[in-house]
Amino acid sequence: DELSEKLESCDIEWRKKYDSLLFDFQELKSSERRAESRCEVIENESFRLENAKNAEMSTLQQKLTSAESKITLLEAELAELRSKENISVDRLSGFLGEEDKENVDLSGLLDPLLSPLKMSRSTLLRRISAAQEMLKLLKSNCDSLSVDLSNCKQELSVSKTKFH
């Protein structure tokens, strides 16, 4: 009888320990699933951010390329205007004889004729300057996005090592 009570007491004690261990095990499993779920959310968010950053970097790269080609075109237009300006001055100088050159102030004659060219040239210079500023801004944005992307990758790496 006493032995049977001890056996029953041991049985109850072992069941309690087993139930406690089972409960702890289930809690750990649940905690593991939550951690894995958080890790997946972080990975998904990181991939989403990386894709968004890549898309933005691609857009900025396209704008950068476009700005560079605009600068090239503007520089070519400016060079063409400069050559036209030189041709205009040479033509006017060629029409005047030596005695006329001594008596005539060429700068007064050329200013009204070159005024549209000067205006066009100054417009081109402003456009080139604006394009160069845009290019600097785009490069700066691209660098900033590269840093952000690098930071996201580091955060993802840290999160992966933390949860695995």
N, C-alpha and C. Protein backbone atom coordinates (compact mmCIF):
# COMPACT_ATOMS: atom_id res chain seq x y z
N ASP A 1 0.82 -1.18 0.00
CA ASP A 1 0.00 0.00 0.00
C ASP A 1 0.88 1.26 0.00
N GLU A 2 1.86 1.28 0.89
CA GLU A 2 2.78 2.40 0.97
C GLU A 2 3.59 2.52 -0.32
N LEU A 3 4.00 1.44 -0.83
CA LEU A 3 4.75 1.42 -2.08
C LEU A 3 3.89 1.94 -3.23
N SER A 4 2.68 1.57 -3.23
CA SER A 4 1.76 2.02 -4.26
C SER A 4 1.53 3.53 -4.16
N GLU A 5 1.47 4.08 -2.95
CA GLU A 5 1.32 5.52 -2.77
C GLU A 5 2.57 6.25 -3.24
N LYS A 6 3.73 5.70 -2.93
CA LYS A 6 4.98 6.31 -3.38
C LYS A 6 5.06 6.29 -4.90
N LEU A 7 4.66 5.17 -5.46
CA LEU A 7 4.67 5.05 -6.91
C LEU A 7 3.72 6.07 -7.54
N GLU A 8 2.56 6.20 -6.97
CA GLU A 8 1.58 7.16 -7.47
C GLU A 8 2.10 8.59 -7.29
N SER A 9 2.74 8.87 -6.16
CA SER A 9 3.31 10.19 -5.89
C SER A 9 4.42 10.51 -6.89
N CYS A 10 5.27 9.51 -7.14
CA CYS A 10 6.35 9.68 -8.14
C CYS A 10 5.76 9.91 -9.52
N ASP A 11 4.72 9.14 -9.82
CA ASP A 11 4.06 9.28 -11.12
C ASP A 11 3.50 10.70 -11.28
N ILE A 12 2.85 11.21 -10.26
CA ILE A 12 2.28 12.56 -10.31
C ILE A 12 3.39 13.60 -10.44
N GLU A 13 4.45 13.41 -9.67
CA GLU A 13 5.58 14.34 -9.72
C GLU A 13 6.22 14.35 -11.12
N TRP A 14 6.42 13.18 -11.71
CA TRP A 14 7.00 13.09 -13.04
C TRP A 14 6.07 13.67 -14.10
N ARG A 15 4.78 13.47 -13.93
CA ARG A 15 3.82 14.06 -14.88
C ARG A 15 3.88 15.59 -14.81
N LYS A 16 3.98 16.13 -13.60
CA LYS A 16 4.08 17.58 -13.44
C LYS A 16 5.35 18.10 -14.11
N LYS A 17 6.48 17.39 -13.87
CA LYS A 17 7.74 17.79 -14.50
C LYS A 17 7.63 17.69 -16.02
N TYR A 18 7.03 16.59 -16.49
CA TYR A 18 6.85 16.40 -17.93
C TYR A 18 5.98 17.51 -18.50
N ASP A 19 4.85 17.79 -17.85
CA ASP A 19 3.96 18.86 -18.31
C ASP A 19 4.66 20.22 -18.32
N SER A 20 5.45 20.46 -17.27
CA SER A 20 6.20 21.72 -17.19
C SER A 20 7.22 21.82 -18.33
N LEU A 21 7.96 20.73 -18.55
CA LEU A 21 8.93 20.71 -19.65
C LEU A 21 8.25 20.84 -21.01
N LEU A 22 7.11 20.17 -21.17
CA LEU A 22 6.36 20.26 -22.41
C LEU A 22 5.88 21.69 -22.63
N PHE A 23 5.39 22.32 -21.58
CA PHE A 23 4.94 23.71 -21.67
C PHE A 23 6.11 24.62 -22.05
N ASP A 24 7.26 24.45 -21.39
CA ASP A 24 8.46 25.24 -21.72
C ASP A 24 8.89 25.01 -23.16
N PHE A 25 8.85 23.75 -23.59
CA PHE A 25 9.21 23.41 -24.96
C PHE A 25 8.27 24.10 -25.95
N GLN A 26 6.98 24.05 -25.67
CA GLN A 26 6.00 24.69 -26.56
C GLN A 26 6.20 26.22 -26.58
N GLU A 27 6.52 26.79 -25.44
CA GLU A 27 6.80 28.23 -25.37
C GLU A 27 8.03 28.58 -26.22
N LEU A 28 9.06 27.75 -26.11
CA LEU A 28 10.27 27.98 -26.91
C LEU A 28 9.98 27.85 -28.40
N LYS A 29 9.19 26.84 -28.76
CA LYS A 29 8.83 26.66 -30.17
C LYS A 29 8.04 27.88 -30.67
N SER A 30 7.11 28.33 -29.85
CA SER A 30 6.30 29.50 -30.20
C SER A 30 7.19 30.73 -30.35
N SER A 31 8.12 30.89 -29.43
CA SER A 31 9.05 32.01 -29.48
C SER A 31 9.93 31.93 -30.73
N GLU A 32 10.36 30.71 -31.06
CA GLU A 32 11.17 30.51 -32.26
C GLU A 32 10.37 30.89 -33.51
N ARG A 33 9.09 30.47 -33.57
CA ARG A 33 8.25 30.81 -34.73
C ARG A 33 8.07 32.33 -34.84
N ARG A 34 7.86 33.00 -33.69
CA ARG A 34 7.72 34.46 -33.71
C ARG A 34 9.01 35.12 -34.20
N ALA A 35 10.15 34.61 -33.72
CA ALA A 35 11.44 35.17 -34.14
C ALA A 35 11.65 34.95 -35.64
N GLU A 36 11.32 33.76 -36.13
CA GLU A 36 11.45 33.48 -37.56
C GLU A 36 10.52 34.38 -38.37
N SER A 37 9.32 34.58 -37.86
CA SER A 37 8.37 35.45 -38.53
C SER A 37 8.89 36.89 -38.59
N ARG A 38 9.43 37.37 -37.46
CA ARG A 38 10.01 38.72 -37.45
C ARG A 38 11.18 38.81 -38.42
N CYS A 39 11.99 37.77 -38.46
CA CYS A 39 13.13 37.74 -39.37
C CYS A 39 12.65 37.81 -40.82
N GLU A 40 11.60 37.05 -41.14
CA GLU A 40 11.05 37.08 -42.50
C GLU A 40 10.51 38.46 -42.83
N VAL A 41 9.83 39.09 -41.86
CA VAL A 41 9.31 40.44 -42.09
C VAL A 41 10.46 41.41 -42.35
N ILE A 42 11.51 41.29 -41.55
CA ILE A 42 12.68 42.16 -41.73
C ILE A 42 13.33 41.91 -43.08
N GLU A 43 13.48 40.64 -43.46
CA GLU A 43 14.07 40.32 -44.77
C GLU A 43 13.21 40.87 -45.89
N ASN A 44 11.89 40.67 -45.79
CA ASN A 44 10.99 41.17 -46.83
C ASN A 44 11.08 42.69 -46.93
N GLU A 45 11.09 43.35 -45.79
CA GLU A 45 11.19 44.81 -45.79
C GLU A 45 12.53 45.25 -46.36
N SER A 46 13.58 44.52 -46.01
CA SER A 46 14.90 44.85 -46.53
C SER A 46 14.95 44.67 -48.05
N PHE A 47 14.38 43.57 -48.54
CA PHE A 47 14.35 43.35 -49.99
C PHE A 47 13.51 44.42 -50.68
N ARG A 48 12.39 44.78 -50.05
CA ARG A 48 11.53 45.82 -50.63
C ARG A 48 12.30 47.14 -50.69
N LEU A 49 12.98 47.48 -49.58
CA LEU A 49 13.77 48.71 -49.55
C LEU A 49 14.90 48.67 -50.57
N GLU A 50 15.55 47.52 -50.66
CA GLU A 50 16.65 47.38 -51.62
C GLU A 50 16.13 47.55 -53.05
N ASN A 51 14.99 46.93 -53.34
CA ASN A 51 14.41 47.08 -54.68
C ASN A 51 14.02 48.52 -54.95
N ALA A 52 13.44 49.18 -53.95
CA ALA A 52 13.06 50.59 -54.11
C ALA A 52 14.31 51.45 -54.33
N LYS A 53 15.35 51.18 -53.54
CA LYS A 53 16.60 51.94 -53.68
C LYS A 53 17.22 51.68 -55.05
N ASN A 54 17.21 50.41 -55.48
CA ASN A 54 17.76 50.09 -56.80
C ASN A 54 16.98 50.80 -57.90
N ALA A 55 15.65 50.82 -57.77
CA ALA A 55 14.83 51.50 -58.77
C ALA A 55 15.14 52.99 -58.77
N GLU A 56 15.25 53.56 -57.58
CA GLU A 56 15.55 54.99 -57.48
C GLU A 56 16.95 55.28 -58.01
N MET A 57 17.89 54.39 -57.70
CA MET A 57 19.25 54.57 -58.22
C MET A 57 19.26 54.47 -59.74
N SER A 58 18.47 53.54 -60.27
CA SER A 58 18.39 53.40 -61.72
C SER A 58 17.82 54.67 -62.35
N THR A 59 16.76 55.20 -61.73
CA THR A 59 16.16 56.44 -62.23
C THR A 59 17.17 57.57 -62.16
N LEU A 60 17.87 57.67 -61.04
CA LEU A 60 18.88 58.72 -60.90
C LEU A 60 20.02 58.54 -61.90
N GLN A 61 20.38 57.29 -62.14
CA GLN A 61 21.44 57.02 -63.12
C GLN A 61 20.99 57.46 -64.51
N GLN A 62 19.72 57.19 -64.84
CA GLN A 62 19.18 57.63 -66.13
C GLN A 62 19.19 59.16 -66.22
N LYS A 63 18.76 59.82 -65.12
CA LYS A 63 18.77 61.28 -65.11
C LYS A 63 20.19 61.80 -65.24
N LEU A 64 21.12 61.13 -64.57
CA LEU A 64 22.52 61.52 -64.63
C LEU A 64 23.04 61.40 -66.06
N THR A 65 22.74 60.30 -66.69
CA THR A 65 23.17 60.09 -68.08
C THR A 65 22.54 61.15 -68.99
N SER A 66 21.26 61.40 -68.76
CA SER A 66 20.56 62.42 -69.55
C SER A 66 21.19 63.79 -69.34
N ALA A 67 21.49 64.12 -68.08
CA ALA A 67 22.11 65.41 -67.78
C ALA A 67 23.48 65.51 -68.42
N GLU A 68 24.25 64.42 -68.37
CA GLU A 68 25.58 64.44 -68.99
C GLU A 68 25.47 64.66 -70.49
N SER A 69 24.49 64.00 -71.14
CA SER A 69 24.34 64.19 -72.58
C SER A 69 23.85 65.61 -72.89
N LYS A 70 22.99 66.16 -72.02
CA LYS A 70 22.54 67.55 -72.23
C LYS A 70 23.72 68.51 -72.10
N ILE A 71 24.57 68.25 -71.13
CA ILE A 71 25.76 69.10 -70.96
C ILE A 71 26.63 69.03 -72.20
N THR A 72 26.81 67.83 -72.73
CA THR A 72 27.61 67.67 -73.94
C THR A 72 27.00 68.45 -75.10
N LEU A 73 25.67 68.33 -75.25
CA LEU A 73 24.99 69.08 -76.32
C LEU A 73 25.12 70.59 -76.12
N LEU A 74 24.94 71.03 -74.89
CA LEU A 74 25.04 72.46 -74.60
C LEU A 74 26.46 72.97 -74.85
N GLU A 75 27.45 72.16 -74.48
CA GLU A 75 28.83 72.56 -74.74
C GLU A 75 29.10 72.65 -76.24
N ALA A 76 28.52 71.71 -77.00
CA ALA A 76 28.68 71.75 -78.46
C ALA A 76 28.00 73.00 -79.02
N GLU A 77 26.79 73.31 -78.53
CA GLU A 77 26.09 74.51 -78.99
C GLU A 77 26.90 75.75 -78.65
N LEU A 78 27.47 75.77 -77.46
CA LEU A 78 28.28 76.91 -77.04
C LEU A 78 29.51 77.05 -77.94
N ALA A 79 30.15 75.95 -78.24
CA ALA A 79 31.32 75.99 -79.12
C ALA A 79 30.91 76.50 -80.51
N GLU A 80 29.76 76.05 -80.98
CA GLU A 80 29.26 76.50 -82.29
C GLU A 80 28.98 78.00 -82.26
N LEU A 81 28.36 78.45 -81.18
CA LEU A 81 28.08 79.89 -81.05
C LEU A 81 29.37 80.70 -81.00
N ARG A 82 30.34 80.18 -80.28
CA ARG A 82 31.62 80.88 -80.20
C ARG A 82 32.26 80.99 -81.58
N SER A 83 32.17 79.90 -82.35
CA SER A 83 32.78 79.95 -83.69
C SER A 83 31.99 80.91 -84.59
N LYS A 84 30.66 80.95 -84.45
CA LYS A 84 29.86 81.90 -85.23
C LYS A 84 30.21 83.33 -84.84
N GLU A 85 30.42 83.53 -83.55
CA GLU A 85 30.78 84.86 -83.07
C GLU A 85 32.10 85.30 -83.68
N ASN A 86 33.05 84.39 -83.72
CA ASN A 86 34.35 84.71 -84.31
C ASN A 86 34.22 84.97 -85.81
N ILE A 87 33.39 84.19 -86.50
CA ILE A 87 33.19 84.38 -87.94
C ILE A 87 32.56 85.75 -88.19
N SER A 88 31.56 86.12 -87.38
CA SER A 88 30.90 87.42 -87.56
C SER A 88 31.88 88.56 -87.39
N VAL A 89 32.72 88.47 -86.38
CA VAL A 89 33.72 89.51 -86.15
C VAL A 89 34.70 89.55 -87.30
N ASP A 90 35.15 88.38 -87.78
CA ASP A 90 36.10 88.32 -88.90
C ASP A 90 35.49 88.90 -90.17
N ARG A 91 34.22 88.58 -90.45
CA ARG A 91 33.56 89.09 -91.66
C ARG A 91 33.47 90.61 -91.63
N LEU A 92 33.04 91.14 -90.49
CA LEU A 92 32.92 92.59 -90.40
C LEU A 92 34.28 93.25 -90.52
N SER A 93 35.26 92.66 -89.92
CA SER A 93 36.61 93.22 -90.01
C SER A 93 37.11 93.16 -91.44
N GLY A 94 36.75 92.13 -92.19
CA GLY A 94 37.21 91.97 -93.56
C GLY A 94 36.59 92.97 -94.51
N PHE A 95 35.39 93.47 -94.20
CA PHE A 95 34.73 94.42 -95.09
C PHE A 95 35.31 95.83 -94.99
N LEU A 96 35.98 96.11 -93.93
CA LEU A 96 36.51 97.45 -93.73
C LEU A 96 37.94 97.53 -94.25
N GLY A 97 38.24 98.61 -94.93
CA GLY A 97 39.61 98.83 -95.39
C GLY A 97 40.47 99.29 -94.23
N GLU A 98 41.79 99.35 -94.47
CA GLU A 98 42.70 99.76 -93.41
C GLU A 98 42.39 101.17 -92.92
N GLU A 99 42.08 102.10 -93.86
CA GLU A 99 41.81 103.47 -93.44
C GLU A 99 40.50 103.56 -92.67
N ASP A 100 39.53 102.69 -93.03
CA ASP A 100 38.26 102.69 -92.31
C ASP A 100 38.44 102.16 -90.89
N LYS A 101 39.30 101.17 -90.73
CA LYS A 101 39.52 100.59 -89.41
C LYS A 101 40.07 101.62 -88.44
N GLU A 102 40.88 102.52 -88.96
CA GLU A 102 41.46 103.53 -88.09
C GLU A 102 40.42 104.53 -87.63
N ASN A 103 39.44 104.82 -88.48
CA ASN A 103 38.46 105.86 -88.19
C ASN A 103 37.19 105.34 -87.52
N VAL A 104 36.99 104.03 -87.51
CA VAL A 104 35.72 103.48 -87.02
C VAL A 104 35.95 102.68 -85.74
N ASP A 105 35.07 102.91 -84.78
CA ASP A 105 35.11 102.13 -83.54
C ASP A 105 34.33 100.83 -83.79
N LEU A 106 35.06 99.72 -83.96
CA LEU A 106 34.42 98.44 -84.29
C LEU A 106 33.51 97.93 -83.19
N SER A 107 33.86 98.17 -81.95
CA SER A 107 33.04 97.62 -80.86
C SER A 107 31.63 98.18 -80.92
N GLY A 108 31.48 99.45 -81.29
CA GLY A 108 30.15 100.04 -81.40
C GLY A 108 29.35 99.41 -82.53
N LEU A 109 30.02 99.06 -83.62
CA LEU A 109 29.33 98.43 -84.76
C LEU A 109 28.95 96.99 -84.47
N LEU A 110 29.81 96.29 -83.77
CA LEU A 110 29.59 94.86 -83.56
C LEU A 110 28.58 94.57 -82.46
N ASP A 111 28.50 95.43 -81.47
CA ASP A 111 27.60 95.15 -80.35
C ASP A 111 26.16 94.90 -80.77
N PRO A 112 25.54 95.74 -81.59
CA PRO A 112 24.15 95.44 -81.96
C PRO A 112 24.04 94.14 -82.76
N LEU A 113 25.04 93.84 -83.57
CA LEU A 113 24.99 92.63 -84.38
C LEU A 113 25.20 91.38 -83.54
N LEU A 114 26.05 91.47 -82.54
CA LEU A 114 26.37 90.31 -81.73
C LEU A 114 25.41 90.15 -80.55
N SER A 115 24.62 91.13 -80.31
CA SER A 115 23.72 91.09 -79.17
C SER A 115 22.88 89.81 -79.12
N PRO A 116 22.23 89.38 -80.22
CA PRO A 116 21.48 88.11 -80.15
C PRO A 116 22.40 86.92 -79.87
N LEU A 117 23.60 86.95 -80.44
CA LEU A 117 24.54 85.86 -80.19
C LEU A 117 24.99 85.87 -78.74
N LYS A 118 25.24 87.06 -78.20
CA LYS A 118 25.65 87.14 -76.80
C LYS A 118 24.53 86.66 -75.89
N MET A 119 23.31 87.05 -76.23
CA MET A 119 22.17 86.60 -75.42
C MET A 119 22.04 85.08 -75.51
N SER A 120 22.18 84.55 -76.71
CA SER A 120 22.09 83.11 -76.89
C SER A 120 23.21 82.41 -76.13
N ARG A 121 24.39 83.00 -76.19
CA ARG A 121 25.54 82.43 -75.49
C ARG A 121 25.32 82.45 -73.98
N SER A 122 24.83 83.56 -73.47
CA SER A 122 24.60 83.64 -72.03
C SER A 122 23.50 82.67 -71.61
N THR A 123 22.50 82.49 -72.48
CA THR A 123 21.45 81.51 -72.20
C THR A 123 22.05 80.11 -72.14
N LEU A 124 22.91 79.80 -73.10
CA LEU A 124 23.56 78.49 -73.10
C LEU A 124 24.44 78.31 -71.87
N LEU A 125 25.15 79.34 -71.50
CA LEU A 125 26.00 79.24 -70.31
C LEU A 125 25.16 78.99 -69.06
N ARG A 126 24.02 79.67 -68.97
CA ARG A 126 23.13 79.44 -67.83
C ARG A 126 22.60 78.01 -67.85
N ARG A 127 22.23 77.53 -69.04
CA ARG A 127 21.72 76.16 -69.16
C ARG A 127 22.80 75.14 -68.79
N ILE A 128 24.02 75.40 -69.22
CA ILE A 128 25.13 74.50 -68.88
C ILE A 128 25.34 74.51 -67.37
N SER A 129 25.34 75.69 -66.80
CA SER A 129 25.52 75.79 -65.35
C SER A 129 24.42 75.06 -64.60
N ALA A 130 23.17 75.24 -65.05
CA ALA A 130 22.04 74.55 -64.41
C ALA A 130 22.18 73.04 -64.57
N ALA A 131 22.58 72.60 -65.76
CA ALA A 131 22.74 71.16 -66.01
C ALA A 131 23.87 70.59 -65.14
N GLN A 132 24.95 71.36 -64.98
CA GLN A 132 26.04 70.89 -64.14
C GLN A 132 25.62 70.81 -62.68
N GLU A 133 24.82 71.78 -62.23
CA GLU A 133 24.30 71.72 -60.86
C GLU A 133 23.39 70.51 -60.69
N MET A 134 22.55 70.25 -61.71
CA MET A 134 21.67 69.08 -61.65
C MET A 134 22.50 67.81 -61.60
N LEU A 135 23.57 67.78 -62.37
CA LEU A 135 24.46 66.62 -62.40
C LEU A 135 25.09 66.41 -61.02
N LYS A 136 25.55 67.49 -60.38
CA LYS A 136 26.11 67.37 -59.03
C LYS A 136 25.07 66.84 -58.06
N LEU A 137 23.85 67.38 -58.16
CA LEU A 137 22.77 66.95 -57.27
C LEU A 137 22.45 65.47 -57.48
N LEU A 138 22.38 65.05 -58.74
CA LEU A 138 22.08 63.65 -59.03
C LEU A 138 23.19 62.73 -58.53
N LYS A 139 24.43 63.15 -58.70
CA LYS A 139 25.55 62.34 -58.19
C LYS A 139 25.48 62.24 -56.67
N SER A 140 25.15 63.36 -56.03
CA SER A 140 25.02 63.37 -54.57
C SER A 140 23.90 62.44 -54.12
N ASN A 141 22.75 62.52 -54.81
CA ASN A 141 21.63 61.64 -54.49
C ASN A 141 22.00 60.18 -54.69
N CYS A 142 22.72 59.90 -55.77
CA CYS A 142 23.14 58.53 -56.07
C CYS A 142 24.07 58.02 -54.97
N ASP A 143 25.02 58.86 -54.55
CA ASP A 143 25.93 58.48 -53.47
C ASP A 143 25.16 58.23 -52.18
N SER A 144 24.20 59.10 -51.88
CA SER A 144 23.39 58.95 -50.67
C SER A 144 22.60 57.65 -50.71
N LEU A 145 22.02 57.34 -51.87
CA LEU A 145 21.26 56.10 -51.99
C LEU A 145 22.17 54.88 -51.86
N SER A 146 23.38 54.98 -52.37
CA SER A 146 24.32 53.88 -52.22
C SER A 146 24.64 53.64 -50.75
N VAL A 147 24.82 54.71 -50.00
CA VAL A 147 25.08 54.59 -48.56
C VAL A 147 23.88 53.97 -47.86
N ASP A 148 22.66 54.45 -48.21
CA ASP A 148 21.43 53.90 -47.61
C ASP A 148 21.30 52.41 -47.92
N LEU A 149 21.58 52.04 -49.15
CA LEU A 149 21.49 50.64 -49.55
C LEU A 149 22.50 49.80 -48.77
N SER A 150 23.69 50.31 -48.62
CA SER A 150 24.72 49.61 -47.86
C SER A 150 24.28 49.43 -46.41
N ASN A 151 23.70 50.48 -45.84
CA ASN A 151 23.21 50.39 -44.46
C ASN A 151 22.10 49.35 -44.33
N CYS A 152 21.18 49.31 -45.30
CA CYS A 152 20.10 48.32 -45.28
C CYS A 152 20.68 46.90 -45.34
N LYS A 153 21.67 46.71 -46.20
CA LYS A 153 22.29 45.39 -46.31
C LYS A 153 22.97 44.99 -45.00
N GLN A 154 23.61 45.95 -44.34
CA GLN A 154 24.24 45.66 -43.05
C GLN A 154 23.19 45.31 -42.01
N GLU A 155 22.08 46.07 -41.99
CA GLU A 155 21.01 45.78 -41.03
C GLU A 155 20.42 44.40 -41.28
N LEU A 156 20.27 44.04 -42.55
CA LEU A 156 19.75 42.71 -42.89
C LEU A 156 20.71 41.64 -42.41
N SER A 157 21.99 41.85 -42.64
CA SER A 157 23.00 40.88 -42.21
C SER A 157 22.98 40.72 -40.69
N VAL A 158 22.89 41.84 -39.98
CA VAL A 158 22.84 41.80 -38.52
C VAL A 158 21.59 41.06 -38.06
N SER A 159 20.46 41.35 -38.70
CA SER A 159 19.20 40.69 -38.33
C SER A 159 19.28 39.19 -38.58
N LYS A 160 19.87 38.81 -39.71
CA LYS A 160 20.00 37.38 -40.02
C LYS A 160 20.86 36.66 -38.99
N THR A 161 21.99 37.28 -38.63
CA THR A 161 22.86 36.63 -37.64
C THR A 161 22.22 36.62 -36.27
N LYS A 162 21.41 37.61 -35.98
CA LYS A 162 20.75 37.70 -34.68
C LYS A 162 19.72 36.59 -34.52
N PHE A 163 18.99 36.28 -35.59
CA PHE A 163 17.90 35.31 -35.51
C PHE A 163 18.31 33.89 -35.87
N HIS A 164 19.53 33.70 -36.34
CA HIS A 164 19.94 32.32 -36.70
C HIS A 164 21.03 31.84 -35.82
